[in-house]
């Protein structure tokens, strides 16, 4: 948003160089807390998995070699840059947020003042060429940034909110969602179906807000 309100590149550059600290401090704190809980033997996920039949979901958590070395690696760079999730499973998403935000900030710092939409679409095409299915997570950030150019009339807000909640809750094997087509080109899956429609739902929610 600083770019679109004319705040200048200095704000974007400050965010670019401060992104690691801003994201990784809370990441490192959560990893340290998880490490301490694990070392104190207070995780009962394996027992819970046996009772609930959820071995594939929670039974494998915190069963790896939990050492100070793995703690340091995960807290310093592996989670934020590589999506390491040994200590905190949802951290797999932070790789996309960290790298994607750097790409997005660099894009707006370097691009000319005009042709924002066209250049954004070109950047998304390049992302797909190099990252294939994973590109959708980075494309989500570029698409979200373009919402700064869109003026939403208040009458559309309720519809966008409902659409966002509906598409954001997409589930497999549900009559509410099974009719939505997969994102394929021929026999090749371009993007994961759930992730694609979740992205559309996220854009609707952000647009509504």
N, C-alpha and C. Protein backbone atom coordinates (compact mmCIF):
# COMPACT_ATOMS: atom_id res chain seq x y z
N UNK A 1 0.81 -1.22 0.00
CA UNK A 1 0.00 0.00 0.00
C UNK A 1 0.84 1.27 0.00
N UNK A 2 2.04 1.33 0.64
CA UNK A 2 2.84 2.55 0.55
C UNK A 2 3.14 2.96 -0.90
N UNK A 3 3.34 1.96 -1.76
CA UNK A 3 3.62 2.26 -3.16
C UNK A 3 2.43 2.99 -3.79
N UNK A 4 1.24 2.51 -3.52
CA UNK A 4 0.06 3.06 -4.19
C UNK A 4 -0.38 4.41 -3.62
N UNK A 5 0.05 4.73 -2.41
CA UNK A 5 -0.29 6.05 -1.87
C UNK A 5 0.85 7.04 -2.07
N UNK A 6 1.89 6.60 -2.80
CA UNK A 6 2.98 7.50 -3.15
C UNK A 6 3.95 7.79 -2.04
N UNK A 7 4.14 6.83 -1.13
CA UNK A 7 5.05 7.05 0.00
C UNK A 7 6.52 6.97 -0.40
N UNK A 8 6.80 6.46 -1.60
CA UNK A 8 8.18 6.39 -2.06
C UNK A 8 8.84 5.05 -1.78
N UNK A 9 10.00 4.85 -2.43
CA UNK A 9 10.69 3.56 -2.33
C UNK A 9 11.35 3.34 -0.98
N UNK A 10 11.63 4.41 -0.25
CA UNK A 10 12.35 4.25 1.02
C UNK A 10 11.58 3.35 1.98
N UNK A 11 10.26 3.49 2.01
CA UNK A 11 9.44 2.65 2.90
C UNK A 11 9.53 1.19 2.47
N UNK A 12 9.47 0.96 1.15
CA UNK A 12 9.54 -0.41 0.64
C UNK A 12 10.92 -1.02 0.92
N UNK A 13 11.96 -0.24 0.75
CA UNK A 13 13.31 -0.74 1.01
C UNK A 13 13.50 -1.07 2.49
N UNK A 14 12.94 -0.23 3.35
CA UNK A 14 13.02 -0.48 4.79
C UNK A 14 12.32 -1.79 5.13
N UNK A 15 11.16 -2.01 4.52
CA UNK A 15 10.44 -3.27 4.76
C UNK A 15 11.20 -4.46 4.19
N UNK A 16 11.81 -4.27 3.03
CA UNK A 16 12.57 -5.35 2.40
C UNK A 16 13.69 -5.82 3.32
N UNK A 17 14.49 -4.88 3.82
CA UNK A 17 15.65 -5.26 4.63
C UNK A 17 15.27 -5.64 6.07
N UNK A 18 14.08 -5.24 6.50
CA UNK A 18 13.64 -5.59 7.85
C UNK A 18 12.75 -6.81 7.91
N UNK A 19 12.50 -7.41 6.74
CA UNK A 19 11.52 -8.50 6.68
C UNK A 19 11.94 -9.73 7.48
N UNK A 20 13.22 -10.07 7.40
CA UNK A 20 13.68 -11.26 8.11
C UNK A 20 13.45 -11.13 9.61
N UNK A 21 13.86 -10.00 10.18
CA UNK A 21 13.71 -9.81 11.62
C UNK A 21 12.23 -9.79 12.01
N UNK A 22 11.44 -9.07 11.22
CA UNK A 22 10.03 -8.93 11.55
C UNK A 22 9.30 -10.28 11.56
N UNK A 23 9.63 -11.14 10.60
CA UNK A 23 8.98 -12.45 10.53
C UNK A 23 9.63 -13.47 11.46
N UNK A 24 10.96 -13.44 11.56
CA UNK A 24 11.64 -14.56 12.22
C UNK A 24 11.66 -14.45 13.74
N UNK A 25 11.53 -13.25 14.31
CA UNK A 25 11.49 -13.16 15.77
C UNK A 25 10.32 -13.96 16.36
N UNK A 26 9.08 -13.76 15.89
CA UNK A 26 7.99 -14.59 16.43
C UNK A 26 8.12 -16.06 16.05
N UNK A 27 8.70 -16.34 14.87
CA UNK A 27 8.93 -17.73 14.48
C UNK A 27 9.88 -18.40 15.48
N UNK A 28 11.00 -17.73 15.75
CA UNK A 28 12.00 -18.28 16.67
C UNK A 28 11.42 -18.45 18.07
N UNK A 29 10.59 -17.51 18.50
CA UNK A 29 9.97 -17.61 19.83
C UNK A 29 9.06 -18.83 19.90
N UNK A 30 8.27 -19.07 18.87
CA UNK A 30 7.37 -20.23 18.88
C UNK A 30 8.14 -21.54 18.85
N UNK A 31 9.26 -21.54 18.11
CA UNK A 31 10.09 -22.75 18.03
C UNK A 31 10.75 -23.03 19.38
N UNK A 32 11.24 -22.00 20.04
CA UNK A 32 11.85 -22.18 21.36
C UNK A 32 10.83 -22.71 22.36
N UNK A 33 9.63 -22.17 22.34
CA UNK A 33 8.59 -22.65 23.24
C UNK A 33 8.26 -24.11 22.96
N UNK A 34 8.13 -24.46 21.69
CA UNK A 34 7.85 -25.84 21.32
C UNK A 34 8.98 -26.78 21.74
N UNK A 35 10.23 -26.33 21.57
CA UNK A 35 11.39 -27.11 21.98
C UNK A 35 11.35 -27.41 23.48
N UNK A 36 11.03 -26.39 24.28
CA UNK A 36 10.97 -26.57 25.73
C UNK A 36 9.86 -27.54 26.13
N UNK A 37 8.71 -27.40 25.50
CA UNK A 37 7.59 -28.31 25.79
C UNK A 37 7.98 -29.74 25.45
N UNK A 38 8.66 -29.90 24.32
CA UNK A 38 9.08 -31.24 23.89
C UNK A 38 10.10 -31.83 24.87
N UNK A 39 11.09 -31.03 25.29
CA UNK A 39 12.12 -31.52 26.19
C UNK A 39 11.55 -31.84 27.57
N UNK A 40 10.49 -31.17 27.96
CA UNK A 40 9.85 -31.44 29.25
C UNK A 40 8.88 -32.63 29.18
N UNK A 41 8.75 -33.19 27.98
CA UNK A 41 7.88 -34.36 27.82
C UNK A 41 6.40 -34.05 27.94
N UNK A 42 6.01 -32.85 27.57
CA UNK A 42 4.62 -32.42 27.75
C UNK A 42 3.79 -32.53 26.47
N UNK A 43 4.40 -33.02 25.40
CA UNK A 43 3.61 -33.30 24.19
C UNK A 43 3.04 -34.72 24.29
N UNK A 44 1.76 -34.85 24.01
CA UNK A 44 1.10 -36.15 24.06
C UNK A 44 0.45 -36.47 22.73
N UNK A 45 1.04 -35.96 21.65
CA UNK A 45 0.44 -36.16 20.34
C UNK A 45 0.48 -37.62 19.89
N UNK A 46 1.53 -38.35 20.25
CA UNK A 46 1.61 -39.75 19.84
C UNK A 46 0.50 -40.55 20.51
N UNK A 47 0.28 -40.30 21.80
CA UNK A 47 -0.80 -40.98 22.52
C UNK A 47 -2.16 -40.57 21.97
N UNK A 48 -2.29 -39.27 21.66
CA UNK A 48 -3.55 -38.79 21.10
C UNK A 48 -3.83 -39.40 19.73
N UNK A 49 -2.76 -39.58 18.93
CA UNK A 49 -2.91 -40.18 17.61
C UNK A 49 -3.38 -41.63 17.72
N UNK A 50 -2.85 -42.35 18.72
CA UNK A 50 -3.26 -43.74 18.91
C UNK A 50 -4.73 -43.83 19.29
N UNK A 51 -5.20 -42.89 20.09
CA UNK A 51 -6.60 -42.90 20.52
C UNK A 51 -7.55 -42.48 19.42
N UNK A 52 -7.10 -41.54 18.59
CA UNK A 52 -8.00 -40.96 17.58
C UNK A 52 -7.82 -41.54 16.19
N UNK A 53 -6.82 -42.40 16.01
CA UNK A 53 -6.57 -42.94 14.68
C UNK A 53 -6.01 -41.90 13.73
N UNK A 54 -5.25 -40.94 14.25
CA UNK A 54 -4.75 -39.82 13.44
C UNK A 54 -3.24 -39.86 13.29
N UNK A 55 -2.69 -41.06 13.13
CA UNK A 55 -1.23 -41.17 13.09
C UNK A 55 -0.62 -40.33 11.97
N UNK A 56 -1.26 -40.34 10.79
CA UNK A 56 -0.69 -39.59 9.67
C UNK A 56 -0.78 -38.09 9.90
N UNK A 57 -1.70 -37.66 10.76
CA UNK A 57 -1.89 -36.23 10.96
C UNK A 57 -1.06 -35.70 12.12
N UNK A 58 -1.10 -36.36 13.26
CA UNK A 58 -0.37 -35.84 14.43
C UNK A 58 0.61 -36.84 15.04
N UNK A 59 0.55 -38.08 14.61
CA UNK A 59 1.37 -39.10 15.25
C UNK A 59 2.86 -38.97 14.98
N UNK A 60 3.22 -38.30 13.88
CA UNK A 60 4.63 -38.18 13.51
C UNK A 60 5.27 -36.89 14.02
N UNK A 61 4.50 -36.02 14.64
CA UNK A 61 5.07 -34.76 15.13
C UNK A 61 5.97 -35.01 16.35
N UNK A 62 7.05 -34.27 16.43
CA UNK A 62 7.95 -34.26 17.59
C UNK A 62 8.55 -35.63 17.89
N UNK A 63 8.71 -36.43 16.83
CA UNK A 63 9.35 -37.74 16.99
C UNK A 63 10.74 -37.75 16.37
N UNK A 64 11.15 -36.61 15.78
CA UNK A 64 12.48 -36.52 15.16
C UNK A 64 13.54 -36.25 16.24
N UNK A 65 14.77 -36.17 15.79
CA UNK A 65 15.88 -35.92 16.71
C UNK A 65 15.83 -34.45 17.14
N UNK A 66 15.34 -34.20 18.34
CA UNK A 66 15.16 -32.84 18.85
C UNK A 66 16.41 -32.46 19.63
N UNK A 67 17.28 -31.66 19.02
CA UNK A 67 18.54 -31.28 19.65
C UNK A 67 18.72 -29.76 19.59
N UNK A 68 19.72 -29.26 20.32
CA UNK A 68 20.04 -27.83 20.25
C UNK A 68 20.46 -27.43 18.84
N UNK A 69 21.11 -28.34 18.14
CA UNK A 69 21.54 -28.06 16.78
C UNK A 69 20.34 -27.86 15.85
N UNK A 70 19.36 -28.78 15.95
CA UNK A 70 18.17 -28.63 15.11
C UNK A 70 17.37 -27.41 15.54
N UNK A 71 17.37 -27.10 16.83
CA UNK A 71 16.69 -25.90 17.32
C UNK A 71 17.30 -24.65 16.69
N UNK A 72 18.62 -24.54 16.71
CA UNK A 72 19.29 -23.37 16.15
C UNK A 72 19.01 -23.24 14.66
N UNK A 73 19.14 -24.33 13.94
CA UNK A 73 18.91 -24.29 12.49
C UNK A 73 17.49 -23.91 12.14
N UNK A 74 16.54 -24.50 12.84
CA UNK A 74 15.14 -24.21 12.57
C UNK A 74 14.79 -22.79 12.93
N UNK A 75 15.31 -22.30 14.05
CA UNK A 75 14.96 -20.96 14.53
C UNK A 75 15.68 -19.85 13.76
N UNK A 76 16.83 -20.15 13.19
CA UNK A 76 17.61 -19.09 12.54
C UNK A 76 17.27 -18.92 11.06
N UNK A 77 17.07 -20.05 10.34
CA UNK A 77 16.83 -19.87 8.91
C UNK A 77 15.97 -20.97 8.27
N UNK A 78 15.98 -22.18 8.83
CA UNK A 78 15.33 -23.28 8.12
C UNK A 78 13.82 -23.13 8.03
N UNK A 79 13.20 -22.58 9.06
CA UNK A 79 11.75 -22.41 9.01
C UNK A 79 11.36 -21.26 8.08
N UNK A 80 11.99 -20.10 8.26
CA UNK A 80 11.59 -18.92 7.49
C UNK A 80 12.01 -19.03 6.02
N UNK A 81 13.08 -19.75 5.73
CA UNK A 81 13.56 -19.82 4.35
C UNK A 81 13.23 -21.13 3.66
N UNK A 82 13.14 -22.21 4.43
CA UNK A 82 12.94 -23.53 3.82
C UNK A 82 11.62 -24.18 4.20
N UNK A 83 10.86 -23.54 5.10
CA UNK A 83 9.58 -24.11 5.50
C UNK A 83 9.70 -25.27 6.47
N UNK A 84 10.81 -25.35 7.22
CA UNK A 84 10.98 -26.42 8.20
C UNK A 84 9.86 -26.38 9.23
N UNK A 85 9.29 -27.54 9.56
CA UNK A 85 8.12 -27.59 10.45
C UNK A 85 8.29 -28.61 11.58
N UNK A 86 9.53 -28.93 11.92
CA UNK A 86 9.78 -29.92 12.96
C UNK A 86 9.14 -29.52 14.28
N UNK A 87 9.25 -28.24 14.64
CA UNK A 87 8.79 -27.79 15.96
C UNK A 87 7.40 -27.17 15.94
N UNK A 88 6.97 -26.75 14.77
CA UNK A 88 5.69 -26.04 14.68
C UNK A 88 5.16 -26.23 13.27
N UNK A 89 4.20 -27.13 13.11
CA UNK A 89 3.79 -27.57 11.78
C UNK A 89 3.32 -26.44 10.86
N UNK A 90 2.52 -25.48 11.31
CA UNK A 90 2.06 -24.42 10.39
C UNK A 90 3.18 -23.55 9.82
N UNK A 91 4.39 -23.68 10.32
CA UNK A 91 5.48 -22.85 9.81
C UNK A 91 5.87 -23.21 8.38
N UNK A 92 5.32 -24.30 7.83
CA UNK A 92 5.65 -24.63 6.44
C UNK A 92 5.23 -23.50 5.49
N UNK A 93 4.25 -22.68 5.90
CA UNK A 93 3.77 -21.60 5.04
C UNK A 93 4.69 -20.39 5.05
N UNK A 94 5.54 -20.25 6.07
CA UNK A 94 6.31 -19.02 6.22
C UNK A 94 7.36 -18.85 5.14
N UNK A 95 7.82 -19.94 4.56
CA UNK A 95 8.76 -19.83 3.43
C UNK A 95 8.13 -19.04 2.29
N UNK A 96 6.87 -19.31 2.02
CA UNK A 96 6.20 -18.61 0.94
C UNK A 96 5.96 -17.15 1.30
N UNK A 97 5.62 -16.90 2.55
CA UNK A 97 5.38 -15.52 2.94
C UNK A 97 6.67 -14.71 2.93
N UNK A 98 7.75 -15.30 3.43
CA UNK A 98 9.02 -14.57 3.50
C UNK A 98 9.58 -14.31 2.10
N UNK A 99 9.78 -15.38 1.34
CA UNK A 99 10.36 -15.23 0.00
C UNK A 99 9.40 -14.45 -0.90
N UNK A 100 8.11 -14.75 -0.79
CA UNK A 100 7.13 -14.06 -1.62
C UNK A 100 7.09 -12.57 -1.34
N UNK A 101 7.18 -12.19 -0.07
CA UNK A 101 7.15 -10.76 0.26
C UNK A 101 8.41 -10.06 -0.24
N UNK A 102 9.56 -10.73 -0.21
CA UNK A 102 10.78 -10.15 -0.75
C UNK A 102 10.66 -9.95 -2.26
N UNK A 103 10.11 -10.94 -2.94
CA UNK A 103 9.90 -10.82 -4.39
C UNK A 103 8.95 -9.67 -4.70
N UNK A 104 7.88 -9.58 -3.93
CA UNK A 104 6.89 -8.53 -4.17
C UNK A 104 7.47 -7.14 -3.92
N UNK A 105 8.17 -7.00 -2.80
CA UNK A 105 8.78 -5.70 -2.49
C UNK A 105 9.83 -5.32 -3.54
N UNK A 106 10.66 -6.28 -3.94
CA UNK A 106 11.67 -6.00 -4.97
C UNK A 106 11.01 -5.61 -6.28
N UNK A 107 9.91 -6.25 -6.61
CA UNK A 107 9.18 -5.94 -7.83
C UNK A 107 8.72 -4.49 -7.84
N UNK A 108 8.11 -4.04 -6.74
CA UNK A 108 7.60 -2.66 -6.70
C UNK A 108 8.70 -1.63 -6.54
N UNK A 109 9.83 -2.02 -5.97
CA UNK A 109 10.97 -1.10 -5.88
C UNK A 109 11.59 -0.88 -7.27
N UNK A 110 11.65 -1.95 -8.07
CA UNK A 110 12.39 -1.89 -9.34
C UNK A 110 11.53 -1.52 -10.54
N UNK A 111 10.24 -1.75 -10.50
CA UNK A 111 9.43 -1.56 -11.70
C UNK A 111 9.18 -0.08 -11.97
N UNK A 112 8.90 0.29 -13.23
CA UNK A 112 8.53 1.67 -13.54
C UNK A 112 7.17 2.02 -12.95
N UNK A 113 6.85 3.30 -12.92
CA UNK A 113 5.62 3.75 -12.29
C UNK A 113 4.37 3.28 -13.02
N UNK A 114 4.46 3.02 -14.31
CA UNK A 114 3.29 2.61 -15.08
C UNK A 114 3.31 1.11 -15.36
N UNK A 115 2.21 0.67 -15.99
CA UNK A 115 2.07 -0.74 -16.40
C UNK A 115 2.08 -1.72 -15.23
N UNK A 116 1.57 -1.30 -14.09
CA UNK A 116 1.61 -2.16 -12.90
C UNK A 116 0.90 -3.49 -13.14
N UNK A 117 -0.32 -3.45 -13.66
CA UNK A 117 -1.08 -4.69 -13.85
C UNK A 117 -0.41 -5.61 -14.84
N UNK A 118 0.00 -5.06 -15.99
CA UNK A 118 0.63 -5.89 -17.02
C UNK A 118 1.92 -6.52 -16.52
N UNK A 119 2.73 -5.74 -15.83
CA UNK A 119 3.99 -6.27 -15.31
C UNK A 119 3.75 -7.29 -14.21
N UNK A 120 2.68 -7.10 -13.43
CA UNK A 120 2.34 -8.07 -12.38
C UNK A 120 1.96 -9.41 -13.00
N UNK A 121 1.16 -9.37 -14.06
CA UNK A 121 0.79 -10.61 -14.75
C UNK A 121 2.01 -11.28 -15.36
N UNK A 122 2.92 -10.49 -15.90
CA UNK A 122 4.16 -11.05 -16.45
C UNK A 122 4.98 -11.70 -15.35
N UNK A 123 5.09 -11.03 -14.19
CA UNK A 123 5.83 -11.60 -13.07
C UNK A 123 5.21 -12.91 -12.61
N UNK A 124 3.89 -12.98 -12.59
CA UNK A 124 3.21 -14.22 -12.18
C UNK A 124 3.47 -15.34 -13.18
N UNK A 125 3.52 -15.00 -14.47
CA UNK A 125 3.83 -16.01 -15.49
C UNK A 125 5.25 -16.56 -15.30
N UNK A 126 6.19 -15.67 -15.00
CA UNK A 126 7.57 -16.10 -14.75
C UNK A 126 7.64 -16.99 -13.51
N UNK A 127 6.89 -16.60 -12.46
CA UNK A 127 6.86 -17.41 -11.25
C UNK A 127 6.35 -18.82 -11.55
N UNK A 128 5.32 -18.91 -12.40
CA UNK A 128 4.79 -20.24 -12.72
C UNK A 128 5.82 -21.07 -13.50
N UNK A 129 6.52 -20.44 -14.42
CA UNK A 129 7.52 -21.17 -15.22
C UNK A 129 8.57 -21.81 -14.32
N UNK A 130 9.00 -21.08 -13.30
CA UNK A 130 10.09 -21.56 -12.46
C UNK A 130 9.61 -22.40 -11.27
N UNK A 131 8.39 -22.15 -10.78
CA UNK A 131 7.95 -22.80 -9.55
C UNK A 131 6.75 -23.72 -9.71
N UNK A 132 6.17 -23.74 -10.89
CA UNK A 132 5.04 -24.62 -11.20
C UNK A 132 3.93 -24.50 -10.16
N UNK A 133 3.54 -25.62 -9.55
CA UNK A 133 2.37 -25.61 -8.66
C UNK A 133 2.58 -24.72 -7.44
N UNK A 134 3.80 -24.65 -6.94
CA UNK A 134 4.06 -23.82 -5.76
C UNK A 134 3.94 -22.33 -6.06
N UNK A 135 3.93 -21.97 -7.34
CA UNK A 135 3.87 -20.55 -7.70
C UNK A 135 2.61 -19.88 -7.20
N UNK A 136 1.55 -20.65 -6.96
CA UNK A 136 0.27 -20.05 -6.57
C UNK A 136 0.38 -19.29 -5.25
N UNK A 137 1.26 -19.74 -4.35
CA UNK A 137 1.41 -19.06 -3.07
C UNK A 137 2.04 -17.67 -3.26
N UNK A 138 2.96 -17.57 -4.21
CA UNK A 138 3.58 -16.28 -4.49
C UNK A 138 2.65 -15.39 -5.32
N UNK A 139 1.94 -16.01 -6.25
CA UNK A 139 0.97 -15.27 -7.06
C UNK A 139 -0.10 -14.64 -6.17
N UNK A 140 -0.45 -15.33 -5.09
CA UNK A 140 -1.45 -14.79 -4.16
C UNK A 140 -1.03 -13.43 -3.63
N UNK A 141 0.27 -13.26 -3.34
CA UNK A 141 0.76 -11.99 -2.83
C UNK A 141 0.69 -10.89 -3.89
N UNK A 142 1.04 -11.23 -5.12
CA UNK A 142 0.96 -10.25 -6.21
C UNK A 142 -0.50 -9.86 -6.47
N UNK A 143 -1.39 -10.85 -6.44
CA UNK A 143 -2.80 -10.56 -6.66
C UNK A 143 -3.36 -9.69 -5.53
N UNK A 144 -2.96 -9.98 -4.31
CA UNK A 144 -3.40 -9.17 -3.18
C UNK A 144 -2.94 -7.74 -3.29
N UNK A 145 -1.70 -7.55 -3.76
CA UNK A 145 -1.18 -6.20 -3.93
C UNK A 145 -1.99 -5.41 -4.96
N UNK A 146 -2.45 -6.08 -6.01
CA UNK A 146 -3.22 -5.41 -7.05
C UNK A 146 -4.58 -4.94 -6.56
N UNK A 147 -5.05 -5.48 -5.44
CA UNK A 147 -6.32 -4.99 -4.88
C UNK A 147 -6.25 -3.51 -4.51
N UNK A 148 -5.02 -3.02 -4.32
CA UNK A 148 -4.86 -1.59 -4.03
C UNK A 148 -5.33 -0.71 -5.19
N UNK A 149 -5.42 -1.29 -6.38
CA UNK A 149 -5.86 -0.54 -7.56
C UNK A 149 -7.35 -0.64 -7.79
N UNK A 150 -8.03 -1.48 -7.02
CA UNK A 150 -9.45 -1.77 -7.27
C UNK A 150 -10.31 -1.00 -6.29
N UNK A 151 -11.31 -0.33 -6.82
CA UNK A 151 -12.29 0.36 -5.98
C UNK A 151 -13.54 -0.51 -5.88
N UNK A 152 -13.88 -0.93 -4.67
CA UNK A 152 -15.01 -1.81 -4.44
C UNK A 152 -16.18 -1.00 -3.91
N UNK A 153 -17.29 -1.03 -4.64
CA UNK A 153 -18.50 -0.35 -4.17
C UNK A 153 -19.05 -1.09 -2.96
N UNK A 154 -19.58 -0.36 -2.00
CA UNK A 154 -20.04 -0.97 -0.75
C UNK A 154 -21.14 -2.00 -0.98
N UNK A 155 -21.89 -1.86 -2.06
CA UNK A 155 -22.97 -2.82 -2.31
C UNK A 155 -22.46 -4.22 -2.63
N UNK A 156 -21.19 -4.31 -3.04
CA UNK A 156 -20.61 -5.61 -3.37
C UNK A 156 -19.99 -6.30 -2.15
N UNK A 157 -19.82 -5.57 -1.07
CA UNK A 157 -19.12 -6.13 0.10
C UNK A 157 -19.77 -7.38 0.66
N UNK A 158 -21.10 -7.42 0.89
CA UNK A 158 -21.69 -8.65 1.43
C UNK A 158 -21.47 -9.87 0.53
N UNK A 159 -21.61 -9.67 -0.79
CA UNK A 159 -21.41 -10.78 -1.71
C UNK A 159 -19.98 -11.28 -1.70
N UNK A 160 -19.03 -10.35 -1.65
CA UNK A 160 -17.62 -10.74 -1.58
C UNK A 160 -17.32 -11.48 -0.29
N UNK A 161 -17.92 -11.03 0.81
CA UNK A 161 -17.70 -11.69 2.10
C UNK A 161 -18.22 -13.12 2.09
N UNK A 162 -19.42 -13.31 1.56
CA UNK A 162 -20.00 -14.65 1.49
C UNK A 162 -19.18 -15.54 0.56
N UNK A 163 -18.80 -15.00 -0.60
CA UNK A 163 -17.98 -15.78 -1.54
C UNK A 163 -16.64 -16.16 -0.92
N UNK A 164 -16.05 -15.23 -0.17
CA UNK A 164 -14.77 -15.51 0.47
C UNK A 164 -14.87 -16.61 1.51
N UNK A 165 -15.91 -16.56 2.33
CA UNK A 165 -16.10 -17.59 3.35
C UNK A 165 -16.40 -18.94 2.71
N UNK A 166 -17.19 -18.92 1.64
CA UNK A 166 -17.55 -20.17 0.96
C UNK A 166 -16.32 -20.81 0.30
N UNK A 167 -15.62 -20.07 -0.53
CA UNK A 167 -14.46 -20.62 -1.23
C UNK A 167 -13.30 -20.89 -0.29
N UNK A 168 -13.20 -20.12 0.79
CA UNK A 168 -12.14 -20.37 1.76
C UNK A 168 -12.34 -21.66 2.54
N UNK A 169 -13.57 -22.17 2.53
CA UNK A 169 -13.86 -23.40 3.26
C UNK A 169 -13.95 -24.63 2.38
N UNK A 170 -13.42 -24.55 1.17
CA UNK A 170 -13.55 -25.65 0.21
C UNK A 170 -13.02 -26.96 0.77
N UNK A 171 -13.81 -28.01 0.61
CA UNK A 171 -13.45 -29.35 1.09
C UNK A 171 -13.61 -30.35 -0.03
N UNK A 172 -12.79 -31.38 -0.02
CA UNK A 172 -12.99 -32.50 -0.93
C UNK A 172 -14.17 -33.35 -0.45
N UNK A 173 -14.78 -34.07 -1.37
CA UNK A 173 -15.86 -35.03 -1.07
C UNK A 173 -17.01 -34.35 -0.34
N UNK A 174 -17.40 -33.17 -0.83
CA UNK A 174 -18.53 -32.45 -0.28
C UNK A 174 -19.42 -32.00 -1.43
N UNK A 175 -20.73 -32.25 -1.34
CA UNK A 175 -21.63 -31.81 -2.43
C UNK A 175 -21.65 -30.30 -2.61
N UNK A 176 -21.19 -29.56 -1.60
CA UNK A 176 -21.14 -28.10 -1.73
C UNK A 176 -20.00 -27.64 -2.64
N UNK A 177 -19.02 -28.53 -2.88
CA UNK A 177 -17.83 -28.11 -3.61
C UNK A 177 -17.42 -29.04 -4.76
N UNK A 178 -17.93 -30.25 -4.80
CA UNK A 178 -17.42 -31.23 -5.75
C UNK A 178 -17.62 -30.82 -7.20
N UNK A 179 -18.58 -29.95 -7.47
CA UNK A 179 -18.85 -29.57 -8.86
C UNK A 179 -17.83 -28.57 -9.41
N UNK A 180 -16.99 -27.98 -8.55
CA UNK A 180 -15.98 -27.04 -9.02
C UNK A 180 -14.91 -27.80 -9.80
N UNK A 181 -14.53 -27.31 -10.99
CA UNK A 181 -13.56 -28.06 -11.82
C UNK A 181 -12.15 -27.97 -11.26
N UNK A 182 -11.35 -28.95 -11.58
CA UNK A 182 -9.93 -28.90 -11.24
C UNK A 182 -9.22 -27.93 -12.17
N UNK A 183 -8.05 -27.48 -11.76
CA UNK A 183 -7.29 -26.51 -12.55
C UNK A 183 -6.26 -27.28 -13.36
N UNK A 184 -6.70 -27.74 -14.53
CA UNK A 184 -5.86 -28.59 -15.37
C UNK A 184 -5.68 -27.98 -16.76
N UNK A 185 -4.56 -28.33 -17.39
CA UNK A 185 -4.36 -28.11 -18.81
C UNK A 185 -4.12 -29.47 -19.43
N UNK A 186 -5.14 -29.99 -20.12
CA UNK A 186 -5.06 -31.36 -20.58
C UNK A 186 -5.07 -32.30 -19.39
N UNK A 187 -4.06 -33.14 -19.29
CA UNK A 187 -3.94 -34.06 -18.15
C UNK A 187 -2.99 -33.54 -17.08
N UNK A 188 -2.52 -32.31 -17.24
CA UNK A 188 -1.55 -31.74 -16.31
C UNK A 188 -2.27 -30.83 -15.33
N UNK A 189 -2.09 -31.09 -14.03
CA UNK A 189 -2.67 -30.23 -13.01
C UNK A 189 -1.81 -28.97 -12.87
N UNK A 190 -2.42 -27.82 -13.13
CA UNK A 190 -1.68 -26.55 -13.07
C UNK A 190 -1.46 -26.15 -11.62
N UNK A 191 -2.55 -26.13 -10.84
CA UNK A 191 -2.48 -25.81 -9.42
C UNK A 191 -3.39 -26.75 -8.65
N UNK A 192 -3.08 -26.97 -7.40
CA UNK A 192 -3.93 -27.75 -6.52
C UNK A 192 -5.31 -27.10 -6.43
N UNK A 193 -6.35 -27.91 -6.57
CA UNK A 193 -7.72 -27.39 -6.63
C UNK A 193 -8.10 -26.60 -5.38
N UNK A 194 -7.86 -27.18 -4.21
CA UNK A 194 -8.25 -26.50 -2.97
C UNK A 194 -7.49 -25.18 -2.82
N UNK A 195 -6.18 -25.21 -3.08
CA UNK A 195 -5.38 -24.00 -2.92
C UNK A 195 -5.84 -22.91 -3.88
N UNK A 196 -6.17 -23.27 -5.10
CA UNK A 196 -6.61 -22.28 -6.08
C UNK A 196 -7.89 -21.58 -5.63
N UNK A 197 -8.89 -22.36 -5.22
CA UNK A 197 -10.16 -21.75 -4.82
C UNK A 197 -10.04 -21.05 -3.46
N UNK A 198 -9.17 -21.56 -2.60
CA UNK A 198 -8.88 -20.84 -1.36
C UNK A 198 -8.29 -19.47 -1.66
N UNK A 199 -7.43 -19.39 -2.68
CA UNK A 199 -6.85 -18.11 -3.08
C UNK A 199 -7.94 -17.14 -3.52
N UNK A 200 -8.86 -17.61 -4.35
CA UNK A 200 -9.97 -16.75 -4.80
C UNK A 200 -10.78 -16.28 -3.60
N UNK A 201 -11.03 -17.20 -2.67
CA UNK A 201 -11.77 -16.84 -1.46
C UNK A 201 -11.03 -15.81 -0.62
N UNK A 202 -9.70 -15.97 -0.52
CA UNK A 202 -8.90 -15.01 0.27
C UNK A 202 -8.96 -13.62 -0.36
N UNK A 203 -8.88 -13.56 -1.69
CA UNK A 203 -8.96 -12.26 -2.36
C UNK A 203 -10.32 -11.61 -2.15
N UNK A 204 -11.37 -12.41 -2.17
CA UNK A 204 -12.72 -11.89 -1.91
C UNK A 204 -12.83 -11.34 -0.50
N UNK A 205 -12.27 -12.07 0.47
CA UNK A 205 -12.33 -11.61 1.86
C UNK A 205 -11.56 -10.30 2.05
N UNK A 206 -10.36 -10.24 1.49
CA UNK A 206 -9.56 -9.03 1.64
C UNK A 206 -10.24 -7.85 0.94
N UNK A 207 -10.81 -8.11 -0.24
CA UNK A 207 -11.51 -7.06 -0.97
C UNK A 207 -12.71 -6.55 -0.16
N UNK A 208 -13.42 -7.47 0.50
CA UNK A 208 -14.58 -7.07 1.30
C UNK A 208 -14.16 -6.22 2.49
N UNK A 209 -13.05 -6.61 3.12
CA UNK A 209 -12.57 -5.86 4.29
C UNK A 209 -12.03 -4.50 3.88
